[in-house]
């Protein structure tokens, strides 16, 4: 009888140990799953997060007054894609963008084809993506010179490059033509012009226009 009692206690102890071991294993698995799910959201450049499904696509933009920034953020949400901002080393002030003043900074840069305004942040992460959307405002009928600084700095050979702009009326055709001529080794697709107040419907239309 004593032997049977000891065996029963032993079996009960073994079963309890196995139960605890199983519960511990399940807890570790659940924790790992949570970590994996949390890791599926990642941050890029200026800290804005992108969806895990957008790992091959990034929106890169320069915004002088904030209009292109708004469109770029909507575009990154609709694609979906990560987002990186081209930040000039010296910020543009309203005086710098006074196009009625021939001596303003923007006019001086656009009158000088060799001008390459310095970029103040590291955008090396852009090399990790296959599809790159580059956005900018239209200055003097084409892209600001800082876009050329970006393209001179980072070798985007082998990438699919889409361009978009914000403008009150000027199209993006001249900019696309200028960039293709200056960077013949890059696979620059057609561009799309957005109004500064573009809504989600406009953004979807733009995506279709760029990728058709």
N, C-alpha and C. Protein backbone atom coordinates (compact mmCIF):
# COMPACT_ATOMS: atom_id res chain seq x y z
N UNK A 1 0.83 -1.21 0.00
CA UNK A 1 0.00 0.00 0.00
C UNK A 1 0.86 1.25 0.00
N UNK A 2 1.94 1.23 0.79
CA UNK A 2 2.85 2.38 0.84
C UNK A 2 3.50 2.61 -0.50
N UNK A 3 3.83 1.48 -1.18
CA UNK A 3 4.46 1.58 -2.51
C UNK A 3 3.50 2.24 -3.48
N UNK A 4 2.21 1.80 -3.46
CA UNK A 4 1.21 2.38 -4.34
C UNK A 4 1.04 3.86 -4.08
N UNK A 5 1.07 4.26 -2.80
CA UNK A 5 0.92 5.68 -2.43
C UNK A 5 2.06 6.49 -2.97
N UNK A 6 3.28 5.95 -2.87
CA UNK A 6 4.46 6.67 -3.37
C UNK A 6 4.39 6.81 -4.88
N UNK A 7 3.95 5.72 -5.57
CA UNK A 7 3.85 5.78 -7.03
C UNK A 7 2.82 6.81 -7.46
N UNK A 8 1.73 6.89 -6.75
CA UNK A 8 0.69 7.87 -7.08
C UNK A 8 1.20 9.28 -6.91
N UNK A 9 1.94 9.51 -5.82
CA UNK A 9 2.51 10.84 -5.58
C UNK A 9 3.50 11.20 -6.67
N UNK A 10 4.29 10.16 -7.06
CA UNK A 10 5.31 10.40 -8.10
C UNK A 10 4.66 10.75 -9.41
N UNK A 11 3.59 10.01 -9.79
CA UNK A 11 2.90 10.28 -11.06
C UNK A 11 2.25 11.65 -11.05
N UNK A 12 1.68 12.01 -9.90
CA UNK A 12 1.04 13.33 -9.76
C UNK A 12 2.06 14.43 -9.92
N UNK A 13 3.25 14.25 -9.32
CA UNK A 13 4.32 15.26 -9.40
C UNK A 13 4.81 15.42 -10.82
N UNK A 14 4.97 14.23 -11.50
CA UNK A 14 5.44 14.28 -12.90
C UNK A 14 4.43 15.00 -13.78
N UNK A 15 3.14 14.72 -13.57
CA UNK A 15 2.10 15.37 -14.38
C UNK A 15 2.08 16.87 -14.15
N UNK A 16 2.27 17.28 -12.90
CA UNK A 16 2.28 18.71 -12.59
C UNK A 16 3.46 19.40 -13.23
N UNK A 17 4.64 18.72 -13.20
CA UNK A 17 5.84 19.29 -13.80
C UNK A 17 5.66 19.44 -15.30
N UNK A 18 5.04 18.40 -15.93
CA UNK A 18 4.82 18.45 -17.38
C UNK A 18 3.86 19.59 -17.73
N UNK A 19 2.82 19.78 -16.89
CA UNK A 19 1.86 20.86 -17.13
C UNK A 19 2.53 22.22 -17.06
N UNK A 20 3.41 22.41 -16.03
CA UNK A 20 4.10 23.69 -15.87
C UNK A 20 5.05 23.92 -17.04
N UNK A 21 5.72 22.82 -17.47
CA UNK A 21 6.65 22.94 -18.58
C UNK A 21 5.92 23.35 -19.86
N UNK A 22 4.73 22.76 -20.07
CA UNK A 22 3.93 23.09 -21.25
C UNK A 22 3.46 24.54 -21.21
N UNK A 23 3.01 24.97 -20.00
CA UNK A 23 2.54 26.36 -19.84
C UNK A 23 3.68 27.33 -20.08
N UNK A 24 4.87 26.99 -19.60
CA UNK A 24 6.04 27.87 -19.78
C UNK A 24 6.40 27.98 -21.24
N UNK A 25 6.37 26.79 -21.93
CA UNK A 25 6.69 26.78 -23.35
C UNK A 25 5.70 27.62 -24.13
N UNK A 26 4.40 27.51 -23.77
CA UNK A 26 3.37 28.29 -24.46
C UNK A 26 3.56 29.78 -24.22
N UNK A 27 3.96 30.14 -22.99
CA UNK A 27 4.20 31.55 -22.66
C UNK A 27 5.34 32.10 -23.48
N UNK A 28 6.43 31.34 -23.61
CA UNK A 28 7.58 31.77 -24.40
C UNK A 28 7.18 31.96 -25.85
N UNK A 29 6.39 30.99 -26.39
CA UNK A 29 5.94 31.07 -27.77
C UNK A 29 5.09 32.30 -27.99
N UNK A 30 4.14 32.57 -27.05
CA UNK A 30 3.29 33.76 -27.16
C UNK A 30 4.11 35.02 -27.13
N UNK A 31 5.12 35.05 -26.26
CA UNK A 31 5.99 36.23 -26.14
C UNK A 31 6.76 36.45 -27.43
N UNK A 32 7.29 35.35 -28.00
CA UNK A 32 8.04 35.47 -29.25
C UNK A 32 7.15 35.97 -30.38
N UNK A 33 5.88 35.46 -30.41
CA UNK A 33 4.94 35.91 -31.44
C UNK A 33 4.67 37.39 -31.32
N UNK A 34 4.53 37.88 -30.07
CA UNK A 34 4.27 39.30 -29.85
C UNK A 34 5.46 40.13 -30.30
N UNK A 35 6.67 39.62 -30.00
CA UNK A 35 7.87 40.36 -30.41
C UNK A 35 7.95 40.43 -31.93
N UNK A 36 7.62 39.29 -32.58
CA UNK A 36 7.67 39.25 -34.03
C UNK A 36 6.67 40.23 -34.64
N UNK A 37 5.44 40.23 -34.08
CA UNK A 37 4.43 41.16 -34.59
C UNK A 37 4.83 42.60 -34.38
N UNK A 38 5.44 42.88 -33.23
CA UNK A 38 5.87 44.25 -32.95
C UNK A 38 6.96 44.66 -33.91
N UNK A 39 7.79 43.69 -34.29
CA UNK A 39 8.90 44.01 -35.18
C UNK A 39 8.49 44.24 -36.60
N UNK A 40 7.21 43.90 -36.93
CA UNK A 40 6.77 44.08 -38.29
C UNK A 40 6.51 45.53 -38.64
N UNK A 41 6.42 46.40 -37.66
CA UNK A 41 6.32 47.83 -37.90
C UNK A 41 7.70 48.43 -37.68
N UNK A 42 8.23 49.12 -38.67
CA UNK A 42 9.56 49.65 -38.54
C UNK A 42 9.56 51.14 -38.82
N UNK A 43 10.61 51.82 -38.39
CA UNK A 43 10.70 53.26 -38.59
C UNK A 43 11.77 53.57 -39.61
N UNK A 44 11.57 54.70 -40.32
CA UNK A 44 12.51 55.08 -41.35
C UNK A 44 12.82 56.56 -41.27
N UNK A 45 14.09 56.91 -41.44
CA UNK A 45 14.51 58.30 -41.57
C UNK A 45 14.07 59.18 -40.45
N UNK A 46 12.96 59.89 -40.63
CA UNK A 46 12.52 60.88 -39.65
C UNK A 46 11.65 60.26 -38.57
N UNK A 47 11.61 58.91 -38.49
CA UNK A 47 10.91 58.27 -37.41
C UNK A 47 9.48 57.90 -37.71
N UNK A 48 9.01 58.14 -38.92
CA UNK A 48 7.65 57.77 -39.24
C UNK A 48 7.63 56.30 -39.62
N UNK A 49 6.67 55.56 -39.13
CA UNK A 49 6.65 54.12 -39.34
C UNK A 49 5.99 53.75 -40.64
N UNK A 50 6.39 52.56 -41.17
CA UNK A 50 5.80 52.05 -42.40
C UNK A 50 5.29 50.65 -42.16
N UNK A 51 4.31 50.22 -42.95
CA UNK A 51 3.75 48.89 -42.80
C UNK A 51 4.74 47.84 -43.27
N UNK A 52 4.68 46.66 -42.63
CA UNK A 52 5.62 45.59 -42.96
C UNK A 52 5.51 45.19 -44.42
N UNK A 53 4.31 45.30 -45.02
CA UNK A 53 4.12 44.93 -46.40
C UNK A 53 4.75 45.90 -47.37
N UNK A 54 5.25 47.03 -46.88
CA UNK A 54 5.81 48.06 -47.75
C UNK A 54 7.33 48.03 -47.78
N UNK A 55 7.93 46.90 -47.42
CA UNK A 55 9.38 46.84 -47.27
C UNK A 55 10.14 47.16 -48.56
N UNK A 56 9.50 47.04 -49.72
CA UNK A 56 10.19 47.30 -50.98
C UNK A 56 9.95 48.71 -51.51
N UNK A 57 9.16 49.50 -50.80
CA UNK A 57 8.76 50.81 -51.33
C UNK A 57 8.97 51.91 -50.31
N UNK A 58 9.48 53.05 -50.79
CA UNK A 58 9.70 54.19 -49.91
C UNK A 58 9.34 55.48 -50.65
N UNK A 59 8.79 56.42 -49.92
CA UNK A 59 8.51 57.76 -50.44
C UNK A 59 9.58 58.69 -49.88
N UNK A 60 10.29 59.37 -50.76
CA UNK A 60 11.32 60.34 -50.37
C UNK A 60 10.87 61.70 -50.86
N UNK A 61 10.89 62.70 -49.98
CA UNK A 61 10.37 63.99 -50.43
C UNK A 61 11.17 65.16 -49.87
N UNK A 62 11.13 66.25 -50.63
CA UNK A 62 11.62 67.54 -50.14
C UNK A 62 10.42 68.48 -50.19
N UNK A 63 10.22 69.23 -49.11
CA UNK A 63 9.10 70.16 -49.04
C UNK A 63 9.59 71.54 -48.60
N UNK A 64 9.31 72.54 -49.42
CA UNK A 64 9.75 73.88 -49.08
C UNK A 64 8.82 74.58 -48.10
N UNK A 65 7.52 74.43 -48.33
CA UNK A 65 6.54 75.15 -47.50
C UNK A 65 5.57 74.22 -46.76
N UNK A 66 5.72 72.92 -46.96
CA UNK A 66 4.85 71.97 -46.27
C UNK A 66 3.83 71.29 -47.16
N UNK A 67 3.60 71.82 -48.37
CA UNK A 67 2.60 71.24 -49.26
C UNK A 67 2.99 69.83 -49.72
N UNK A 68 4.24 69.68 -50.13
CA UNK A 68 4.70 68.37 -50.60
C UNK A 68 4.74 67.37 -49.45
N UNK A 69 5.05 67.83 -48.27
CA UNK A 69 5.06 66.96 -47.08
C UNK A 69 3.70 66.32 -46.87
N UNK A 70 2.63 67.12 -46.97
CA UNK A 70 1.28 66.60 -46.75
C UNK A 70 0.92 65.53 -47.78
N UNK A 71 1.25 65.80 -49.03
CA UNK A 71 0.95 64.84 -50.09
C UNK A 71 1.80 63.58 -49.92
N UNK A 72 3.06 63.74 -49.58
CA UNK A 72 3.96 62.59 -49.39
C UNK A 72 3.46 61.67 -48.28
N UNK A 73 2.97 62.26 -47.21
CA UNK A 73 2.47 61.45 -46.09
C UNK A 73 1.22 60.66 -46.49
N UNK A 74 0.34 61.31 -47.25
CA UNK A 74 -0.86 60.60 -47.72
C UNK A 74 -0.47 59.49 -48.70
N UNK A 75 0.49 59.77 -49.56
CA UNK A 75 0.94 58.78 -50.53
C UNK A 75 1.54 57.56 -49.84
N UNK A 76 2.33 57.80 -48.80
CA UNK A 76 2.96 56.70 -48.08
C UNK A 76 1.91 55.82 -47.39
N UNK A 77 0.82 56.42 -46.98
CA UNK A 77 -0.25 55.67 -46.33
C UNK A 77 -1.04 54.84 -47.34
N UNK A 78 -1.26 55.40 -48.51
CA UNK A 78 -2.08 54.72 -49.52
C UNK A 78 -1.32 53.61 -50.23
N UNK A 79 0.00 53.72 -50.38
CA UNK A 79 0.73 52.72 -51.17
C UNK A 79 0.66 51.30 -50.60
N UNK A 80 0.97 50.96 -49.37
CA UNK A 80 1.66 51.74 -48.33
C UNK A 80 3.17 51.70 -48.54
N UNK A 81 3.88 52.62 -47.88
CA UNK A 81 5.32 52.71 -48.03
C UNK A 81 5.93 53.41 -46.82
N UNK A 82 7.22 53.21 -46.64
CA UNK A 82 7.94 53.98 -45.64
C UNK A 82 8.16 55.38 -46.19
N UNK A 83 8.66 56.27 -45.36
CA UNK A 83 8.81 57.66 -45.79
C UNK A 83 10.09 58.25 -45.25
N UNK A 84 10.77 59.00 -46.09
CA UNK A 84 12.01 59.68 -45.72
C UNK A 84 11.94 61.12 -46.20
N UNK A 85 12.37 62.05 -45.37
CA UNK A 85 12.36 63.46 -45.77
C UNK A 85 13.77 63.93 -46.11
N UNK A 86 13.90 64.65 -47.20
CA UNK A 86 15.16 65.30 -47.56
C UNK A 86 15.20 66.63 -46.81
N UNK A 87 16.06 66.71 -45.83
CA UNK A 87 16.14 67.90 -44.98
C UNK A 87 17.36 68.72 -45.39
N UNK A 88 17.17 69.95 -45.86
CA UNK A 88 18.32 70.76 -46.24
C UNK A 88 19.16 71.13 -45.03
N UNK A 89 20.48 71.17 -45.21
CA UNK A 89 21.37 71.54 -44.11
C UNK A 89 21.04 72.94 -43.61
N UNK A 90 20.67 73.80 -44.54
CA UNK A 90 20.24 75.17 -44.19
C UNK A 90 18.77 75.30 -44.60
N UNK A 91 17.90 75.42 -43.62
CA UNK A 91 16.46 75.48 -43.90
C UNK A 91 16.11 76.68 -44.78
N UNK A 92 15.10 76.51 -45.61
CA UNK A 92 14.63 77.60 -46.46
C UNK A 92 13.63 78.47 -45.68
N UNK A 93 13.90 79.77 -45.67
CA UNK A 93 12.98 80.71 -45.02
C UNK A 93 12.03 81.28 -46.07
N UNK A 94 11.02 82.00 -45.62
CA UNK A 94 10.09 82.62 -46.56
C UNK A 94 10.81 83.62 -47.47
N UNK A 95 11.83 84.30 -46.93
CA UNK A 95 12.62 85.23 -47.74
C UNK A 95 13.41 84.48 -48.81
N UNK A 96 13.89 83.27 -48.47
CA UNK A 96 14.62 82.46 -49.43
C UNK A 96 13.74 82.03 -50.60
N UNK A 97 12.43 81.98 -50.37
CA UNK A 97 11.50 81.49 -51.38
C UNK A 97 10.67 82.61 -52.01
N UNK A 98 11.13 83.84 -51.89
CA UNK A 98 10.43 84.98 -52.46
C UNK A 98 10.81 85.10 -53.94
N UNK A 99 10.02 84.44 -54.79
CA UNK A 99 10.37 84.37 -56.22
C UNK A 99 10.32 85.71 -56.92
N UNK A 100 9.70 86.71 -56.28
CA UNK A 100 9.67 88.05 -56.87
C UNK A 100 10.98 88.79 -56.66
N UNK A 101 11.84 88.20 -55.81
CA UNK A 101 13.15 88.80 -55.53
C UNK A 101 14.21 88.00 -56.29
N UNK A 102 14.78 88.61 -57.31
CA UNK A 102 15.75 87.90 -58.14
C UNK A 102 16.97 87.42 -57.36
N UNK A 103 17.24 88.05 -56.22
CA UNK A 103 18.43 87.70 -55.45
C UNK A 103 18.13 86.68 -54.35
N UNK A 104 16.87 86.22 -54.26
CA UNK A 104 16.55 85.27 -53.20
C UNK A 104 17.27 83.95 -53.45
N UNK A 105 17.44 83.20 -52.41
CA UNK A 105 18.22 81.95 -52.47
C UNK A 105 17.68 80.97 -53.52
N UNK A 106 16.37 80.75 -53.54
CA UNK A 106 15.79 79.79 -54.49
C UNK A 106 16.07 80.21 -55.93
N UNK A 107 15.91 81.49 -56.22
CA UNK A 107 16.15 81.97 -57.58
C UNK A 107 17.62 81.83 -57.97
N UNK A 108 18.51 82.11 -57.04
CA UNK A 108 19.94 81.96 -57.33
C UNK A 108 20.28 80.50 -57.63
N UNK A 109 19.73 79.60 -56.85
CA UNK A 109 20.00 78.17 -57.07
C UNK A 109 19.45 77.71 -58.42
N UNK A 110 18.24 78.13 -58.73
CA UNK A 110 17.63 77.66 -59.97
C UNK A 110 18.28 78.27 -61.20
N UNK A 111 18.91 79.40 -61.04
CA UNK A 111 19.64 80.02 -62.16
C UNK A 111 21.02 79.41 -62.36
N UNK A 112 21.44 78.55 -61.44
CA UNK A 112 22.75 77.93 -61.50
C UNK A 112 22.58 76.41 -61.61
N UNK A 113 22.79 75.87 -62.81
CA UNK A 113 22.56 74.44 -63.02
C UNK A 113 23.50 73.55 -62.20
N UNK A 114 24.60 74.13 -61.77
CA UNK A 114 25.56 73.35 -60.98
C UNK A 114 25.30 73.43 -59.48
N UNK A 115 24.32 74.22 -59.08
CA UNK A 115 24.02 74.38 -57.65
C UNK A 115 23.55 73.05 -57.06
N UNK A 116 24.12 72.71 -55.91
CA UNK A 116 23.75 71.48 -55.21
C UNK A 116 23.62 71.79 -53.71
N UNK A 117 22.46 72.27 -53.28
CA UNK A 117 22.26 72.59 -51.86
C UNK A 117 22.55 71.38 -51.00
N UNK A 118 23.23 71.60 -49.90
CA UNK A 118 23.63 70.48 -49.03
C UNK A 118 22.43 69.87 -48.31
N UNK A 119 22.44 68.56 -48.21
CA UNK A 119 21.42 67.83 -47.46
C UNK A 119 21.94 67.63 -46.04
N UNK A 120 21.07 67.86 -45.06
CA UNK A 120 21.51 67.83 -43.67
C UNK A 120 21.31 66.51 -42.94
N UNK A 121 20.65 65.54 -43.57
CA UNK A 121 20.40 64.25 -42.90
C UNK A 121 20.88 63.09 -43.75
N UNK A 122 21.11 61.96 -43.11
CA UNK A 122 21.57 60.75 -43.78
C UNK A 122 20.38 59.99 -44.34
N UNK A 123 20.38 59.79 -45.65
CA UNK A 123 19.29 59.09 -46.32
C UNK A 123 19.75 57.77 -46.92
N UNK A 124 20.83 57.23 -46.38
CA UNK A 124 21.40 56.00 -46.91
C UNK A 124 20.44 54.83 -46.90
N UNK A 125 19.45 54.88 -46.03
CA UNK A 125 18.47 53.79 -45.95
C UNK A 125 17.71 53.60 -47.25
N UNK A 126 17.68 54.65 -48.09
CA UNK A 126 16.95 54.57 -49.36
C UNK A 126 17.50 53.46 -50.24
N UNK A 127 18.75 53.09 -50.06
CA UNK A 127 19.38 52.06 -50.88
C UNK A 127 18.80 50.67 -50.60
N UNK A 128 18.03 50.52 -49.53
CA UNK A 128 17.44 49.24 -49.17
C UNK A 128 16.14 48.95 -49.92
N UNK A 129 15.66 49.91 -50.69
CA UNK A 129 14.36 49.77 -51.33
C UNK A 129 14.47 49.58 -52.84
N UNK A 130 13.48 48.91 -53.40
CA UNK A 130 13.44 48.66 -54.85
C UNK A 130 12.64 49.74 -55.58
N UNK A 131 11.55 50.19 -54.97
CA UNK A 131 10.67 51.18 -55.58
C UNK A 131 10.75 52.49 -54.80
N UNK A 132 11.10 53.56 -55.48
CA UNK A 132 11.32 54.84 -54.80
C UNK A 132 10.47 55.93 -55.44
N UNK A 133 9.62 56.55 -54.63
CA UNK A 133 8.81 57.68 -55.08
C UNK A 133 9.48 58.95 -54.57
N UNK A 134 9.84 59.83 -55.48
CA UNK A 134 10.53 61.07 -55.10
C UNK A 134 9.61 62.26 -55.35
N UNK A 135 9.35 63.03 -54.29
CA UNK A 135 8.43 64.15 -54.40
C UNK A 135 9.08 65.49 -54.10
N UNK A 136 8.55 66.52 -54.72
CA UNK A 136 9.13 67.86 -54.58
C UNK A 136 8.15 68.92 -55.09
N UNK A 137 8.34 70.17 -54.70
CA UNK A 137 7.56 71.26 -55.30
C UNK A 137 8.19 71.63 -56.64
N UNK A 138 7.45 72.32 -57.45
CA UNK A 138 8.00 72.80 -58.73
C UNK A 138 8.54 74.22 -58.54
N UNK A 139 9.82 74.38 -58.84
CA UNK A 139 10.46 75.70 -58.79
C UNK A 139 10.93 76.05 -60.20
N UNK A 140 10.50 77.18 -60.67
CA UNK A 140 10.91 77.63 -62.00
C UNK A 140 10.63 76.56 -63.05
N UNK A 141 9.52 75.86 -62.94
CA UNK A 141 9.11 74.91 -63.95
C UNK A 141 9.72 73.52 -63.84
N UNK A 142 10.60 73.31 -62.85
CA UNK A 142 11.25 72.01 -62.71
C UNK A 142 11.49 71.69 -61.24
N UNK A 143 12.27 70.66 -60.98
CA UNK A 143 12.53 70.26 -59.59
C UNK A 143 13.59 71.15 -58.94
N UNK A 144 13.50 71.35 -57.63
CA UNK A 144 14.54 72.11 -56.92
C UNK A 144 15.90 71.40 -57.04
N UNK A 145 16.97 72.17 -56.96
CA UNK A 145 18.33 71.60 -57.14
C UNK A 145 18.68 70.56 -56.08
N UNK A 146 18.03 70.62 -54.92
CA UNK A 146 18.37 69.68 -53.85
C UNK A 146 17.99 68.24 -54.24
N UNK A 147 17.07 68.09 -55.19
CA UNK A 147 16.75 66.75 -55.69
C UNK A 147 17.95 66.19 -56.44
N UNK A 148 18.66 67.03 -57.14
CA UNK A 148 19.87 66.58 -57.83
C UNK A 148 20.99 66.28 -56.83
N UNK A 149 21.03 67.02 -55.73
CA UNK A 149 21.98 66.68 -54.67
C UNK A 149 21.71 65.26 -54.18
N UNK A 150 20.44 64.96 -53.98
CA UNK A 150 20.04 63.62 -53.51
C UNK A 150 20.45 62.54 -54.51
N UNK A 151 20.18 62.76 -55.79
CA UNK A 151 20.49 61.77 -56.81
C UNK A 151 21.99 61.65 -57.05
N UNK A 152 22.72 62.72 -56.83
CA UNK A 152 24.19 62.67 -56.95
C UNK A 152 24.80 61.92 -55.78
N UNK A 153 24.16 61.98 -54.63
CA UNK A 153 24.71 61.40 -53.40
C UNK A 153 24.46 59.90 -53.29
N UNK A 154 23.28 59.46 -53.73
CA UNK A 154 22.90 58.06 -53.56
C UNK A 154 22.69 57.40 -54.92
N UNK A 155 23.41 56.31 -55.15
CA UNK A 155 23.33 55.60 -56.43
C UNK A 155 22.07 54.75 -56.46
N UNK A 156 21.08 55.18 -57.22
CA UNK A 156 19.81 54.49 -57.29
C UNK A 156 19.69 53.62 -58.54
N UNK A 157 20.82 53.24 -59.10
CA UNK A 157 20.81 52.36 -60.27
C UNK A 157 20.10 51.06 -59.93
N UNK A 158 19.27 50.57 -60.83
CA UNK A 158 18.56 49.32 -60.61
C UNK A 158 17.26 49.48 -59.84
N UNK A 159 16.96 50.70 -59.39
CA UNK A 159 15.71 50.97 -58.68
C UNK A 159 14.64 51.46 -59.66
N UNK A 160 13.38 51.24 -59.31
CA UNK A 160 12.28 51.83 -60.07
C UNK A 160 11.97 53.17 -59.41
N UNK A 161 12.11 54.25 -60.17
CA UNK A 161 11.95 55.59 -59.61
C UNK A 161 10.72 56.26 -60.20
N UNK A 162 9.83 56.69 -59.31
CA UNK A 162 8.63 57.42 -59.70
C UNK A 162 8.73 58.83 -59.11
N UNK A 163 8.35 59.82 -59.86
CA UNK A 163 8.42 61.18 -59.35
C UNK A 163 7.02 61.78 -59.22
N UNK A 164 6.86 62.65 -58.24
CA UNK A 164 5.60 63.38 -58.10
C UNK A 164 5.91 64.77 -57.58
N UNK A 165 5.02 65.69 -57.86
CA UNK A 165 5.25 67.07 -57.43
C UNK A 165 3.97 67.67 -56.91
N UNK A 166 4.12 68.79 -56.23
CA UNK A 166 2.97 69.63 -55.87
C UNK A 166 3.15 70.95 -56.59
N UNK A 167 2.08 71.43 -57.15
CA UNK A 167 2.17 72.67 -57.91
C UNK A 167 0.78 73.24 -58.10
N UNK A 168 0.70 74.55 -58.15
CA UNK A 168 -0.58 75.21 -58.37
C UNK A 168 -1.02 75.13 -59.82
N UNK A 169 -0.08 74.88 -60.73
CA UNK A 169 -0.45 74.85 -62.14
C UNK A 169 0.60 74.21 -63.03
N UNK A 170 1.87 74.43 -62.73
CA UNK A 170 2.94 73.88 -63.56
C UNK A 170 2.96 72.37 -63.48
N UNK A 171 3.19 71.72 -64.63
CA UNK A 171 3.24 70.27 -64.68
C UNK A 171 4.60 69.74 -64.27
N UNK A 172 4.71 68.40 -64.28
CA UNK A 172 5.96 67.76 -63.89
C UNK A 172 6.76 67.28 -65.10
N UNK A 173 6.21 67.45 -66.29
CA UNK A 173 6.84 66.92 -67.49
C UNK A 173 8.27 67.43 -67.70
N UNK A 174 8.48 68.72 -67.49
CA UNK A 174 9.83 69.29 -67.69
C UNK A 174 10.82 68.70 -66.70
N UNK A 175 10.37 68.53 -65.47
CA UNK A 175 11.24 67.95 -64.45
C UNK A 175 11.63 66.52 -64.81
N UNK A 176 10.66 65.71 -65.23
CA UNK A 176 10.95 64.32 -65.61
C UNK A 176 11.94 64.30 -66.77
N UNK A 177 11.72 65.16 -67.75
CA UNK A 177 12.62 65.23 -68.90
C UNK A 177 14.03 65.64 -68.48
N UNK A 178 14.11 66.65 -67.61
CA UNK A 178 15.42 67.13 -67.14
C UNK A 178 16.17 66.03 -66.38
N UNK A 179 15.46 65.33 -65.51
CA UNK A 179 16.10 64.29 -64.69
C UNK A 179 16.54 63.10 -65.54
N UNK A 180 15.73 62.72 -66.51
CA UNK A 180 16.10 61.61 -67.39
C UNK A 180 17.34 61.95 -68.21
N UNK A 181 17.41 63.19 -68.63
CA UNK A 181 18.56 63.64 -69.41
C UNK A 181 19.82 63.68 -68.56
N UNK A 182 19.68 64.14 -67.32
CA UNK A 182 20.84 64.28 -66.45
C UNK A 182 21.28 62.95 -65.84
N UNK A 183 20.33 62.05 -65.67
CA UNK A 183 20.65 60.75 -65.06
C UNK A 183 20.15 59.61 -65.96
N UNK A 184 20.79 59.43 -67.12
CA UNK A 184 20.32 58.44 -68.10
C UNK A 184 20.41 57.00 -67.62
N UNK A 185 21.24 56.75 -66.62
CA UNK A 185 21.40 55.38 -66.12
C UNK A 185 20.33 54.98 -65.10
N UNK A 186 19.51 55.94 -64.70
CA UNK A 186 18.46 55.65 -63.72
C UNK A 186 17.15 55.31 -64.43
N UNK A 187 16.39 54.42 -63.83
CA UNK A 187 15.11 53.99 -64.40
C UNK A 187 14.00 54.90 -63.86
N UNK A 188 13.94 56.10 -64.44
CA UNK A 188 12.96 57.10 -64.00
C UNK A 188 11.69 56.96 -64.83
N UNK A 189 10.59 56.64 -64.15
CA UNK A 189 9.31 56.49 -64.81
C UNK A 189 8.65 57.86 -64.96
N UNK A 190 7.44 57.88 -65.47
CA UNK A 190 6.73 59.14 -65.60
C UNK A 190 6.43 59.75 -64.23
N UNK A 191 6.02 60.99 -64.24
CA UNK A 191 5.72 61.68 -63.00
C UNK A 191 4.24 62.03 -62.90
N UNK A 192 3.85 62.55 -61.74
CA UNK A 192 2.45 62.93 -61.53
C UNK A 192 2.40 64.20 -60.69
N UNK A 193 1.54 65.13 -61.11
CA UNK A 193 1.37 66.39 -60.36
C UNK A 193 0.16 66.30 -59.46
N UNK A 194 0.35 66.61 -58.19
CA UNK A 194 -0.74 66.67 -57.22
C UNK A 194 -1.01 68.11 -56.83
N UNK A 195 -2.26 68.41 -56.60
CA UNK A 195 -2.61 69.68 -55.98
C UNK A 195 -2.23 69.60 -54.51
N UNK A 196 -1.89 70.71 -53.91
CA UNK A 196 -1.47 70.72 -52.50
C UNK A 196 -2.56 70.18 -51.58
N UNK A 197 -3.82 70.31 -52.00
CA UNK A 197 -4.93 69.85 -51.16
C UNK A 197 -5.49 68.50 -51.62
N UNK A 198 -4.66 67.70 -52.25
CA UNK A 198 -5.10 66.39 -52.76
C UNK A 198 -5.67 65.53 -51.63
N UNK A 199 -6.82 64.89 -51.90
CA UNK A 199 -7.40 63.99 -50.92
C UNK A 199 -7.03 62.55 -51.27
N UNK A 200 -7.54 61.58 -50.53
CA UNK A 200 -7.18 60.19 -50.75
C UNK A 200 -7.58 59.68 -52.13
N UNK A 201 -8.70 60.17 -52.65
CA UNK A 201 -9.13 59.79 -53.99
C UNK A 201 -8.13 60.27 -55.03
N UNK A 202 -7.65 61.51 -54.86
CA UNK A 202 -6.64 62.07 -55.76
C UNK A 202 -5.34 61.26 -55.68
N UNK A 203 -5.00 60.87 -54.45
CA UNK A 203 -3.76 60.11 -54.26
C UNK A 203 -3.85 58.76 -54.98
N UNK A 204 -4.99 58.07 -54.84
CA UNK A 204 -5.17 56.79 -55.52
C UNK A 204 -5.10 56.95 -57.03
N UNK A 205 -5.68 58.00 -57.53
CA UNK A 205 -5.63 58.29 -58.96
C UNK A 205 -4.19 58.51 -59.40
N UNK A 206 -3.43 59.21 -58.55
CA UNK A 206 -2.03 59.45 -58.86
C UNK A 206 -1.22 58.17 -58.89
N UNK A 207 -1.47 57.28 -57.93
CA UNK A 207 -0.76 56.00 -57.87
C UNK A 207 -1.03 55.20 -59.15
N UNK A 208 -2.29 55.18 -59.56
CA UNK A 208 -2.66 54.47 -60.78
C UNK A 208 -1.98 55.10 -62.00
N UNK A 209 -1.90 56.43 -62.00
CA UNK A 209 -1.25 57.11 -63.12
C UNK A 209 0.24 56.85 -63.18
N UNK A 210 0.86 56.71 -62.02
CA UNK A 210 2.30 56.47 -61.98
C UNK A 210 2.68 55.05 -62.33
N UNK A 211 1.84 54.09 -61.97
CA UNK A 211 2.23 52.68 -62.10
C UNK A 211 1.55 51.95 -63.25
N UNK A 212 0.76 52.65 -64.04
CA UNK A 212 0.05 51.98 -65.13
C UNK A 212 1.01 51.53 -66.22
